[in-house]
Protein backbone atom coordinates (compact mmCIF):
# COMPACT_ATOMS: atom_id res chain seq x y z
CA MET A 1 29.58 -52.01 -97.27
CA ASP A 2 31.09 -51.95 -93.84
CA GLN A 3 34.04 -54.30 -93.18
CA TYR A 4 33.16 -54.76 -89.60
CA PRO A 5 29.34 -54.81 -89.24
CA GLU A 6 29.19 -56.80 -85.97
CA LEU A 7 31.98 -54.74 -84.33
CA GLU A 8 30.13 -51.64 -85.40
CA GLN A 9 27.15 -52.95 -83.62
CA PHE A 10 28.96 -54.11 -80.54
CA ILE A 11 31.23 -51.11 -80.02
CA GLY A 12 28.67 -48.62 -81.39
CA ALA A 13 25.90 -49.83 -79.15
CA TYR A 14 27.64 -50.93 -75.93
CA PHE A 15 30.65 -48.60 -75.65
CA ILE A 16 28.83 -45.38 -75.98
CA GLU A 17 28.51 -42.25 -73.83
CA ASP A 18 25.90 -44.02 -71.72
CA PHE A 19 27.91 -47.26 -71.44
CA ASP A 20 27.15 -47.42 -67.68
CA ILE A 21 23.63 -48.71 -68.43
CA PHE A 22 25.42 -51.94 -69.53
CA GLY A 23 27.99 -52.05 -66.72
CA GLU A 24 30.81 -50.22 -64.85
CA THR A 25 33.72 -52.23 -66.25
CA ILE A 26 34.82 -53.55 -69.66
CA GLU A 27 34.00 -57.07 -68.49
CA GLU A 28 30.47 -56.16 -67.29
CA ILE A 29 29.75 -54.30 -70.58
CA ALA A 30 31.04 -57.18 -72.71
CA LEU A 31 29.18 -59.79 -70.66
CA CYS A 32 25.94 -57.82 -71.20
CA TYR A 33 26.52 -58.08 -74.98
CA LYS A 34 27.49 -61.75 -74.62
CA ARG A 35 24.20 -62.45 -72.82
CA VAL A 36 21.99 -61.07 -75.56
CA ALA A 37 23.91 -61.69 -78.81
CA ALA A 38 23.58 -64.98 -80.67
CA LYS A 39 26.63 -67.20 -80.70
CA ALA A 40 27.16 -66.52 -84.46
CA ARG A 41 27.20 -62.80 -83.86
CA ILE A 42 29.76 -63.21 -81.10
CA GLN A 43 31.96 -65.35 -83.34
CA GLN A 44 31.63 -62.74 -86.04
CA ALA A 45 32.69 -59.98 -83.67
CA CYS A 46 35.74 -62.14 -82.71
CA LEU A 47 36.68 -62.50 -86.37
CA GLU A 48 36.22 -58.82 -87.05
CA MET A 49 38.49 -57.87 -84.13
CA ASP A 50 41.22 -59.94 -85.65
CA LYS A 51 40.54 -58.53 -89.08
CA PHE A 52 40.55 -54.95 -87.77
CA ILE A 53 44.01 -55.46 -86.14
CA ALA A 54 45.36 -57.20 -89.32
CA ASP A 55 44.01 -54.41 -91.55
CA ASN A 56 45.49 -51.69 -89.32
CA LYS A 57 48.76 -53.17 -88.13
CA VAL A 58 50.59 -49.93 -87.75
CA GLY A 59 47.74 -47.47 -86.97
CA ALA A 60 45.12 -49.54 -85.08
CA ASP A 61 44.70 -46.86 -82.40
CA VAL A 62 44.24 -44.10 -84.96
CA ALA A 63 41.86 -46.18 -87.06
CA PHE A 64 39.85 -47.09 -83.97
CA ALA A 65 39.59 -43.43 -82.93
CA GLU A 66 38.46 -42.48 -86.43
CA ARG A 67 35.79 -45.17 -86.42
CA TRP A 68 34.64 -45.16 -82.75
CA GLY A 69 35.87 -41.83 -81.50
CA SER A 70 33.31 -41.63 -78.73
CA PHE A 71 35.05 -44.45 -76.96
CA ASP A 72 38.79 -44.35 -76.15
CA PRO A 73 40.35 -47.60 -74.90
CA ALA A 74 43.37 -45.62 -73.68
CA LEU A 75 41.17 -43.97 -71.00
CA TRP A 76 40.66 -47.48 -69.62
CA GLY A 77 44.36 -48.38 -69.86
CA TYR A 78 44.28 -50.26 -73.15
CA THR A 79 45.63 -49.97 -76.60
CA THR A 80 43.18 -51.07 -79.32
CA ALA A 81 44.99 -54.38 -79.61
CA SER A 82 44.87 -55.09 -75.82
CA PHE A 83 41.28 -53.87 -75.66
CA PHE A 84 40.33 -56.37 -78.36
CA ASP A 85 42.38 -59.11 -76.54
CA GLU A 86 40.45 -58.39 -73.43
CA LEU A 87 37.08 -58.54 -75.25
CA LYS A 88 38.06 -61.82 -76.92
CA ARG A 89 39.03 -63.28 -73.60
CA ILE A 90 35.61 -62.31 -72.11
CA LEU A 91 33.67 -63.42 -75.09
CA ASN A 92 35.63 -66.73 -75.18
CA CYS A 93 36.70 -66.21 -78.80
CA PRO A 94 38.40 -69.17 -80.37
CA ARG A 95 42.17 -68.65 -80.77
CA ILE A 96 43.28 -68.43 -84.36
CA ALA A 97 46.58 -70.15 -85.03
């Protein structure tokens, strides 16, 4: 069973080779997902981003590349953690204390 099913859907469907059908920027792409995904799915994606970073504290960039190698946040000026922070900002994820 996949530990990150909603992230797999979000990253795997929106941040693909043909990402430009969803937008030209990270924000445009994330907003496209936000417009069509149910609130519960967005909340799940937010939780999974936090879980992914917690599960991969030392090697998040390597783990991301292994899982979603067709998209590299570094090419957009992000680490995996900062990319997820940007997505969470755009998706209005609740802050976890």
